[in-house]
PDB file of N, CA and C in Angstrom:
ATOM      1  N   MET A   1     106.075  66.249 -19.928  1.00  0.00           N
ATOM      2  CA  MET A   1     106.780  67.505 -19.976  1.00  0.00           C
ATOM      3  C   MET A   1     106.785  68.086 -18.561  1.00  0.00           C
ATOM      4  N   VAL A   2     107.943  68.546 -18.145  1.00  0.00           N
ATOM      5  CA  VAL A   2     108.114  69.119 -16.811  1.00  0.00           C
ATOM      6  C   VAL A   2     108.494  70.590 -16.973  1.00  0.00           C
ATOM      7  N   PRO A   3     107.581  71.502 -16.618  1.00  0.00           N
ATOM      8  CA  PRO A   3     107.922  72.926 -16.714  1.00  0.00           C
ATOM      9  C   PRO A   3     108.889  73.325 -15.612  1.00  0.00           C
ATOM     10  N   LEU A   4     109.806  74.217 -15.950  1.00  0.00           N
ATOM     11  CA  LEU A   4     110.777  74.731 -14.987  1.00  0.00           C
ATOM     12  C   LEU A   4     110.542  76.224 -14.821  1.00  0.00           C
ATOM     13  N   SER A   5     110.441  76.670 -13.588  1.00  0.00           N
ATOM     14  CA  SER A   5     110.189  78.091 -13.351  1.00  0.00           C
ATOM     15  C   SER A   5     111.448  78.926 -13.555  1.00  0.00           C
ATOM     16  N   TYR A   6     112.553  78.503 -12.935  1.00  0.00           N
ATOM     17  CA  TYR A   6     113.757  79.336 -12.939  1.00  0.00           C
ATOM     18  C   TYR A   6     115.001  78.616 -13.449  1.00  0.00           C
ATOM     19  N   ALA A   7     115.021  77.312 -13.399  1.00  0.00           N
ATOM     20  CA  ALA A   7     116.217  76.558 -13.774  1.00  0.00           C
ATOM     21  C   ALA A   7     116.414  76.550 -15.286  1.00  0.00           C
ATOM     22  N   ASP A   8     117.655  76.508 -15.696  1.00  0.00           N
ATOM     23  CA  ASP A   8     117.987  76.393 -17.112  1.00  0.00           C
ATOM     24  C   ASP A   8     117.708  74.956 -17.558  1.00  0.00           C
ATOM     25  N   PRO A   9     116.942  74.745 -18.621  1.00  0.00           N
ATOM     26  CA  PRO A   9     116.582  73.386 -19.017  1.00  0.00           C
ATOM     27  C   PRO A   9     117.790  72.542 -19.442  1.00  0.00           C
ATOM     28  N   TYR A  10     118.802  73.162 -20.031  1.00  0.00           N
ATOM     29  CA  TYR A  10     119.976  72.391 -20.464  1.00  0.00           C
ATOM     30  C   TYR A  10     120.794  71.912 -19.271  1.00  0.00           C
ATOM     31  N   GLU A  11     120.976  72.787 -18.295  1.00  0.00           N
ATOM     32  CA  GLU A  11     121.714  72.389 -17.090  1.00  0.00           C
ATOM     33  C   GLU A  11     120.949  71.336 -16.299  1.00  0.00           C
ATOM     34  N   THR A  12     119.648  71.515 -16.179  1.00  0.00           N
ATOM     35  CA  THR A  12     118.831  70.561 -15.442  1.00  0.00           C
ATOM     36  C   THR A  12     118.810  69.211 -16.140  1.00  0.00           C
ATOM     37  N   ALA A  13     118.682  69.208 -17.451  1.00  0.00           N
ATOM     38  CA  ALA A  13     118.682  67.944 -18.202  1.00  0.00           C
ATOM     39  C   ALA A  13     119.992  67.202 -18.013  1.00  0.00           C
ATOM     40  N   SER A  14     121.094  67.921 -18.039  1.00  0.00           N
ATOM     41  CA  SER A  14     122.406  67.298 -17.849  1.00  0.00           C
ATOM     42  C   SER A  14     122.520  66.675 -16.469  1.00  0.00           C
ATOM     43  N   ALA A  15     122.072  67.399 -15.451  1.00  0.00           N
ATOM     44  CA  ALA A  15     122.154  66.887 -14.077  1.00  0.00           C
ATOM     45  C   ALA A  15     121.251  65.675 -13.887  1.00  0.00           C
ATOM     46  N   VAL A  16     120.051  65.740 -14.414  1.00  0.00           N
ATOM     47  CA  VAL A  16     119.096  64.633 -14.257  1.00  0.00           C
ATOM     48  C   VAL A  16     119.561  63.412 -15.027  1.00  0.00           C
ATOM     49  N   GLN A  17     120.049  63.616 -16.237  1.00  0.00           N
ATOM     50  CA  GLN A  17     120.491  62.485 -17.060  1.00  0.00           C
ATOM     51  C   GLN A  17     121.621  61.731 -16.378  1.00  0.00           C
ATOM     52  N   GLY A  18     122.473  62.430 -15.653  1.00  0.00           N
ATOM     53  CA  GLY A  18     123.567  61.781 -14.943  1.00  0.00           C
ATOM     54  C   GLY A  18     123.103  60.928 -13.789  1.00  0.00           C
ATOM     55  N   GLN A  19     121.957  61.250 -13.217  1.00  0.00           N
ATOM     56  CA  GLN A  19     121.425  60.491 -12.082  1.00  0.00           C
ATOM     57  C   GLN A  19     120.475  59.384 -12.504  1.00  0.00           C
ATOM     58  N   PHE A  20     119.822  59.534 -13.628  1.00  0.00           N
ATOM     59  CA  PHE A  20     118.829  58.571 -14.098  1.00  0.00           C
ATOM     60  C   PHE A  20     119.188  58.135 -15.516  1.00  0.00           C
ATOM     61  N   SER A  21     120.060  57.162 -15.621  1.00  0.00           N
ATOM     62  CA  SER A  21     120.556  56.758 -16.940  1.00  0.00           C
ATOM     63  C   SER A  21     119.528  55.988 -17.766  1.00  0.00           C
ATOM     64  N   SER A  22     118.438  55.523 -17.148  1.00  0.00           N
ATOM     65  CA  SER A  22     117.451  54.733 -17.890  1.00  0.00           C
ATOM     66  C   SER A  22     116.379  55.603 -18.548  1.00  0.00           C
ATOM     67  N   VAL A  23     116.483  56.918 -18.412  1.00  0.00           N
ATOM     68  CA  VAL A  23     115.513  57.810 -19.038  1.00  0.00           C
ATOM     69  C   VAL A  23     116.218  58.743 -20.013  1.00  0.00           C
ATOM     70  N   ARG A  24     115.450  59.258 -20.938  1.00  0.00           N
ATOM     71  CA  ARG A  24     115.969  60.257 -21.874  1.00  0.00           C
ATOM     72  C   ARG A  24     115.367  61.593 -21.476  1.00  0.00           C
ATOM     73  N   VAL A  25     116.212  62.579 -21.278  1.00  0.00           N
ATOM     74  CA  VAL A  25     115.763  63.903 -20.860  1.00  0.00           C
ATOM     75  C   VAL A  25     116.170  64.899 -21.942  1.00  0.00           C
ATOM     76  N   VAL A  26     115.166  65.586 -22.497  1.00  0.00           N
ATOM     77  CA  VAL A  26     115.407  66.535 -23.582  1.00  0.00           C
ATOM     78  C   VAL A  26     114.989  67.929 -23.121  1.00  0.00           C
ATOM     79  N   PRO A  27     115.908  68.870 -23.124  1.00  0.00           N
ATOM     80  CA  PRO A  27     115.557  70.242 -22.748  1.00  0.00           C
ATOM     81  C   PRO A  27     114.796  70.949 -23.867  1.00  0.00           C
ATOM     82  N   VAL A  28     113.821  71.768 -23.481  1.00  0.00           N
ATOM     83  CA  VAL A  28     113.060  72.570 -24.430  1.00  0.00           C
ATOM     84  C   VAL A  28     113.142  74.014 -23.948  1.00  0.00           C
ATOM     85  N   ARG A  29     113.992  74.792 -24.589  1.00  0.00           N
ATOM     86  CA  ARG A  29     114.214  76.167 -24.141  1.00  0.00           C
ATOM     87  C   ARG A  29     113.010  77.058 -24.436  1.00  0.00           C
ATOM     88  N   GLY A  30     112.285  76.816 -25.498  1.00  0.00           N
ATOM     89  CA  GLY A  30     111.164  77.675 -25.881  1.00  0.00           C
ATOM     90  C   GLY A  30     110.140  77.867 -24.787  1.00  0.00           C
ATOM     91  N   ASN A  31     109.826  76.818 -24.050  1.00  0.00           N
ATOM     92  CA  ASN A  31     108.890  76.967 -22.934  1.00  0.00           C
ATOM     93  C   ASN A  31     109.540  76.585 -21.605  1.00  0.00           C
ATOM     94  N   ASN A  32     110.872  76.579 -21.572  1.00  0.00           N
ATOM     95  CA  ASN A  32     111.655  76.336 -20.366  1.00  0.00           C
ATOM     96  C   ASN A  32     111.165  75.091 -19.619  1.00  0.00           C
ATOM     97  N   SER A  33     111.287  73.946 -20.292  1.00  0.00           N
ATOM     98  CA  SER A  33     110.818  72.708 -19.698  1.00  0.00           C
ATOM     99  C   SER A  33     111.699  71.548 -20.136  1.00  0.00           C
ATOM    100  N   LEU A  34     111.384  70.379 -19.594  1.00  0.00           N
ATOM    101  CA  LEU A  34     112.072  69.141 -19.958  1.00  0.00           C
ATOM    102  C   LEU A  34     111.047  68.135 -20.453  1.00  0.00           C
ATOM    103  N   VAL A  35     111.417  67.373 -21.464  1.00  0.00           N
ATOM    104  CA  VAL A  35     110.627  66.223 -21.883  1.00  0.00           C
ATOM    105  C   VAL A  35     111.373  65.004 -21.365  1.00  0.00           C
ATOM    106  N   VAL A  36     110.669  64.174 -20.595  1.00  0.00           N
ATOM    107  CA  VAL A  36     111.285  63.001 -19.976  1.00  0.00           C
ATOM    108  C   VAL A  36     110.622  61.766 -20.553  1.00  0.00           C
ATOM    109  N   ASN A  37     111.443  60.844 -21.071  1.00  0.00           N
ATOM    110  CA  ASN A  37     110.937  59.634 -21.701  1.00  0.00           C
ATOM    111  C   ASN A  37     111.666  58.428 -21.133  1.00  0.00           C
ATOM    112  N   GLY A  38     110.925  57.368 -20.845  1.00  0.00           N
ATOM    113  CA  GLY A  38     111.521  56.154 -20.321  1.00  0.00           C
ATOM    114  C   GLY A  38     110.489  55.324 -19.595  1.00  0.00           C
ATOM    115  N   PRO A  39     110.952  54.360 -18.812  1.00  0.00           N
ATOM    116  CA  PRO A  39     110.021  53.544 -18.039  1.00  0.00           C
ATOM    117  C   PRO A  39     109.207  54.424 -17.091  1.00  0.00           C
ATOM    118  N   PRO A  40     107.901  54.174 -17.000  1.00  0.00           N
ATOM    119  CA  PRO A  40     107.028  55.048 -16.195  1.00  0.00           C
ATOM    120  C   PRO A  40     107.502  55.274 -14.759  1.00  0.00           C
ATOM    121  N   ASP A  41     108.005  54.247 -14.111  1.00  0.00           N
ATOM    122  CA  ASP A  41     108.456  54.427 -12.726  1.00  0.00           C
ATOM    123  C   ASP A  41     109.678  55.326 -12.649  1.00  0.00           C
ATOM    124  N   GLN A  42     110.536  55.247 -13.644  1.00  0.00           N
ATOM    125  CA  GLN A  42     111.721  56.100 -13.665  1.00  0.00           C
ATOM    126  C   GLN A  42     111.371  57.539 -14.032  1.00  0.00           C
ATOM    127  N   VAL A  43     110.420  57.715 -14.947  1.00  0.00           N
ATOM    128  CA  VAL A  43     109.959  59.064 -15.302  1.00  0.00           C
ATOM    129  C   VAL A  43     109.355  59.725 -14.069  1.00  0.00           C
ATOM    130  N   GLU A  44     108.557  58.969 -13.326  1.00  0.00           N
ATOM    131  CA  GLU A  44     107.967  59.505 -12.102  1.00  0.00           C
ATOM    132  C   GLU A  44     109.048  59.894 -11.091  1.00  0.00           C
ATOM    133  N   ALA A  45     110.094  59.085 -10.990  1.00  0.00           N
ATOM    134  CA  ALA A  45     111.196  59.395 -10.071  1.00  0.00           C
ATOM    135  C   ALA A  45     111.903  60.685 -10.487  1.00  0.00           C
ATOM    136  N   VAL A  46     112.080  60.894 -11.776  1.00  0.00           N
ATOM    137  CA  VAL A  46     112.715  62.119 -12.271  1.00  0.00           C
ATOM    138  C   VAL A  46     111.849  63.333 -11.934  1.00  0.00           C
ATOM    139  N   VAL A  47     110.566  63.237 -12.215  1.00  0.00           N
ATOM    140  CA  VAL A  47     109.652  64.347 -11.934  1.00  0.00           C
ATOM    141  C   VAL A  47     109.637  64.645 -10.436  1.00  0.00           C
ATOM    142  N   ASP A  48     109.579  63.604  -9.616  1.00  0.00           N
ATOM    143  CA  ASP A  48     109.609  63.795  -8.161  1.00  0.00           C
ATOM    144  C   ASP A  48     110.905  64.463  -7.714  1.00  0.00           C
ATOM    145  N   ALA A  49     112.020  64.035  -8.280  1.00  0.00           N
ATOM    146  CA  ALA A  49     113.318  64.609  -7.910  1.00  0.00           C
ATOM    147  C   ALA A  49     113.368  66.086  -8.276  1.00  0.00           C
ATOM    148  N   ILE A  50     112.872  66.444  -9.442  1.00  0.00           N
ATOM    149  CA  ILE A  50     112.859  67.852  -9.861  1.00  0.00           C
ATOM    150  C   ILE A  50     111.942  68.656  -8.955  1.00  0.00           C
ATOM    151  N   ASN A  51     110.749  68.147  -8.688  1.00  0.00           N
ATOM    152  CA  ASN A  51     109.795  68.864  -7.840  1.00  0.00           C
ATOM    153  C   ASN A  51     110.300  68.992  -6.418  1.00  0.00           C
ATOM    154  N   ASN A  52     110.955  67.963  -5.896  1.00  0.00           N
ATOM    155  CA  ASN A  52     111.504  68.039  -4.544  1.00  0.00           C
ATOM    156  C   ASN A  52     112.624  69.062  -4.457  1.00  0.00           C
ATOM    157  N   GLU A  53     113.449  69.121  -5.472  1.00  0.00           N
ATOM    158  CA  GLU A  53     114.547  70.099  -5.478  1.00  0.00           C
ATOM    159  C   GLU A  53     113.990  71.515  -5.530  1.00  0.00           C
ATOM    160  N   VAL A  54     112.988  71.733  -6.353  1.00  0.00           N
ATOM    161  CA  VAL A  54     112.395  73.056  -6.477  1.00  0.00           C
ATOM    162  C   VAL A  54     111.741  73.465  -5.164  1.00  0.00           C
ATOM    163  N   SER A  55     111.032  72.555  -4.516  1.00  0.00           N
ATOM    164  CA  SER A  55     110.363  72.916  -3.264  1.00  0.00           C
ATOM    165  C   SER A  55     111.367  73.109  -2.127  1.00  0.00           C
ATOM    166  N   SER A  56     112.496  72.424  -2.188  1.00  0.00           N
ATOM    167  CA  SER A  56     113.484  72.561  -1.113  1.00  0.00           C
ATOM    168  C   SER A  56     114.212  73.899  -1.160  1.00  0.00           C
ATOM    169  N   ILE A  57     114.245  74.535  -2.343  1.00  0.00           N
ATOM    170  CA  ILE A  57     114.886  75.845  -2.425  1.00  0.00           C
ATOM    171  C   ILE A  57     113.858  76.978  -2.378  1.00  0.00           C
ATOM    172  N   GLY A  58     112.589  76.595  -2.208  1.00  0.00           N
ATOM    173  CA  GLY A  58     111.549  77.599  -2.043  1.00  0.00           C
ATOM    174  C   GLY A  58     111.135  78.323  -3.289  1.00  0.00           C
ATOM    175  N   VAL A  59     111.221  77.638  -4.428  1.00  0.00           N
ATOM    176  CA  VAL A  59     110.846  78.275  -5.692  1.00  0.00           C
ATOM    177  C   VAL A  59     109.422  77.906  -6.034  1.00  0.00           C
TER     178      VAL A  59
END
């Protein structure tokens, strides 16, 4: 599970799913997060991509 501070989970899931087709990304609005399922190396790449994007915008 990847918590999101400010991003909308549905928009983020859509963007991530388009870049990483080998993983399943499910938005969870209740706690504003994403559930990422797939091969471990790809899940790690998704989490890294989300964390890098968040840190690059200073959130």
